[in-house]
Amino acid sequence: KSSGIAPPFALYFASTAMAGRTMHAVQYDGYGGGAAGLKHVEIQVPSPKKDEVLLRVEAASINPVDWKIQKGLIRPLLPPKFPFVPVTDVAGEVVEVGPGVHSFKPGDKVVSMLSFRNAGGLAEYAVASVNMTVDRPPEVSAAAGASLPIAALTALQALRYSGTKLDGTGQPRNVLITAASGGVGSFTVQLAKLGNLHVTAACGARNIDLVKRLGADEVLDYKTPEGKSLSSPSGRKYDAVIHCTVGISWSTFEPNLAVHGVVIDLTPTPWTWFRSAVKRLTFAKKKLVPLLFMQAKDDLRFLVQLVRDGKLKTVLDSRHQLTEAVAAWAKSVEGHATGKIIVEMGE
C-alpha cells in the first residue's frame, strides 16, 4: 500500500504506455453455449476511471456464478450487455491508477473482486474498483489470492451469520458442511476450525482424506446410506449447517438439527425463500436462512492476512493458462472440482 501519491509524470507515462494497446481476452456474445460459447479475442486494454485501478492480471479463479450468469440465470440484470468478459476474482499488479486513487500505485501486488456488471477477469488486463481491492503480501501467491474473493468471503459470511466467532472465543458448537471439498466448502472447513467448531463434513469418497487434513473432525461419504442421512457419526446434533450444494431437502436436515439449529443455504432457490419466510412467520425454532453475499473489503483483507499467516490454505483443483480457459470453464460447469479452478495469464 502506498502512503503517498504517485508523481504526476509516473501516472502520465503509465497511462500513455497503455493507451491504445490491445490484450488477449476470453468473452461470450450471448446467453447459453457453456464452454463452447467462449471466444478468444483481441480487445482494447480498458482505462481506469475515478477510484479505479488497472491491473495486469496474473491469475483469476472461476466460480459457479460466472457460468450461471452466462446461462442466463440472472437475466436481465447480468450481464448488462454483450459481448462480455466473465470472471470477477483476480490477483495481479497495479499498472495504472485512475483519478482520486491515492491508496495504490503502479507496481503494487493486489487481490481484487471485479464488479459483476463489468467483470473482465478472463483477460490480460482488468479494471478494478479500489473498494474491493486489497494489498497482496509476498507470502500470498497470485493463485491463492485469486481464489479468495467469492469462495472464501461466502464461507466467512455464512459462518458469521451462524453465530461463529473466528477468534476462537466462541462457545464450542457443532457444524455440518456439505460439499466440503469444493471451493466454498474447503474454506468453510478451515474457518470453522478457527472458530472453535466441531466440524462434520460431507464430501465424495475420493476427498475424505483431504477434508480431514483441512481440519474436519468427522467426514461423511455422501453416497453411502449414512452419508445421505447426514447424521453425525458421533451422534451430535448440528447447531448450524453450511449448505454448499443443491439437491438436499429440508426433511434430511431437520432431524439432525439441534433445538435452535439453523441451515444457511448458499445456493437458495425460490422454494428456499418461501420455506424460510414460513419458518419466520411461524416462529419455528429450527430455521432455514438463504445467504445473501455481500462485498466487504475489510473481510477480503482479513482473509488475505489469514493466508499470509498460514492459517488458511487454498485447495487448487487445477491450473490453466488463459489459452486453456475453455477447458477450465468446462471443468467448473461439470461441478466436481476439488477446491478452486485457476486461470493464469503467464508472461
Foldseek 3Di string as FASTA:
>chain_A
DFPFAPPPVLQVVLVVVQPPDKWWAWWAFAADDFLNRIDIDIDGQDDEAAQKFKWQFFKAFDDPVQNCLSNVVPPPVPQVHPGAGTGFWTWGFTRHDYPPDTPDDGGFTKTFGADRHRHGNLIRMDMGGPQGIDGFDPLADGQNRSLPFPQLLLLVVLCVVLVFDLCQPDDEFEEEEEQLQEANNLNNLLSVVSRNYQYEYEHAPVCPVVSVVSPHPHYHHCVDPCNVLVAGPVRAAHQEYEYDDDDRDPVSNVVRHDQQHEYEYADDDPVLVVVQVVCVVVVRSYHYHYDDRDRHNVVSNVVSVCSSVVSGGFDEQEEAESVCVSVLSVVVVVPRGRTIYMYGHHD
